[in-house]
Amino acid sequence: SLSEPDLREPSQSCCTLMLGGVLALPPLRSLLPALPGVARAPALATLAELSLPALLLLRPSPSSRRAAAALGSLFHVTICQMVSPMSVYPFSVLMAPLYVFVIPEQATQVFDLVRRWAGLLVVVYAAACRIWIPLMADDLPPGEEPFEYPPYGCWAPGVIWCLAAYACLVAAAAFGRGGGSPSSAEGPAATAGPPRATARGRIPAFAVAAFGLCPYLGIRTYPALAMFSNLRTEGGRSNHRFIGDDFDLTGWQRDYITVHATDIPALRLLQVDLAPLFTPATKQALAAIGSEGEFWLTPPLKAWPYPPTRDFKPYSVPFLELRRRLAPLRAAGGNGTVNYTRTVARPRFALPSLWRALGRIVPGEDEEDRVLRNMSYDLASGGDPELEEPLPQWLATLARFRSFDVGYSPCRH
């Protein structure tokens, strides 16, 4: 949410898109006419996301941890409710256990209590899974299920699990007692202070932080912690509010191509818009709140077995990603052509002093991007040694990129 389009162009914002998906659900559709607009949705989402680290880090206390667990649980249970393929329930499922570490004693109390009713809850869960799709996707024909990608086939079970798990976490944050479980309230745990960080415990935290910094370091945007966002760090056109190309020392993201036309499936399907696969009610809700309704993702190679969802739309991608996809096809004797423009953009800085301190040359404001226009490549005939050289294994593993557009930033996975 710290990207410019989120606040300046709410119609393109992921926050607006997902709000429309939530309001498309049958219990909430009646609220659509009453909404004055969604211009504040990105700002509210930004506030919620910044409140979580503030509660946990600035003045940590039992009450602030409870507030963080409750706020985070409400946030993550909300963003998984939309009807697939907009729902991000796999992400919410992965995040739920982390909140147990925020309020471990209170969460343990609640889950111990719930365990007593495990048999009955399993029956209720199974029944809810059977009726969830007809209830929440009531605009689909009888027997038809919403499209899901990746095709886990678990949208209803996943959403219901999230509802139950996060309800328990919110209850734990609101009503759980600190100082251990009730059976040990008189023991040492009753007087123990908050859990202390350990060196071993910090390792996952540092790993997640490093993974989250990958887009700003210019080494990876997919998969990365930039999913479901309007963030753009590529092309020398970062739209982050206060980070430019300052930490991108490799230049991989600034050396990019714009694909204008191609008949190579690995490039035609490098980006896919899921919005045409939304349910009719979701599309109507997005139109009602003024969302542009684009939801792009970059599937891994050969991971999209379906037809294109819309006419081909030109896009940009770092040259390394083009090389990753075309070099193996050339070696395997593939066919097809691609017409593209290659651009090496000059870096744009928020902190040029960092590059000067590292002894790097800081380009002048009047320096222009280097652009090679009207380029074409034929897989059958070849002729571009740079493009045909396979990526080293370490580079193929490290550097992976999604598509982008230098002119605007719709919601992307």
Foldseek 3Di string as FASTA:
>chain_A
DQFDCVQPPVLQWLQLLLVLLLCLFVVRVVCLVVDPFCNCRSVVVVVLVVLLCCLCPVDDDLLSLLVSLLSVLVVLLSQQPGAPPRGPLVVSVVCLVVSCLSVVQLLVQLVVVVVVCVVVVVVVLVVQLVCVQCRGQVLDPPPDGADYPVPPVCSSSSSVVSVVSSVSSNCSSVPGDAQHHPVCCVDPSVPDDRDDDDPVNCVVVVVLVVQQCCLLLVFEVPPGVCAQGLFDQAQLQGRRPQFWNLNPPPLQRNWKKKWDDKPDVLVQQQKAWCQLRHRPSSVVSSVSNNHPRTEMEGDPPPSDPDDGSDPRDIWMKGLLQLLQPQQVCLVVQHWMKIWIKTKRAAHDGSCVVSCVVVVHDHDDPPDGIDMDHGDMATSNVGDDVVSNDHDPPVSVVTHDYGIAHSPGGHTYD
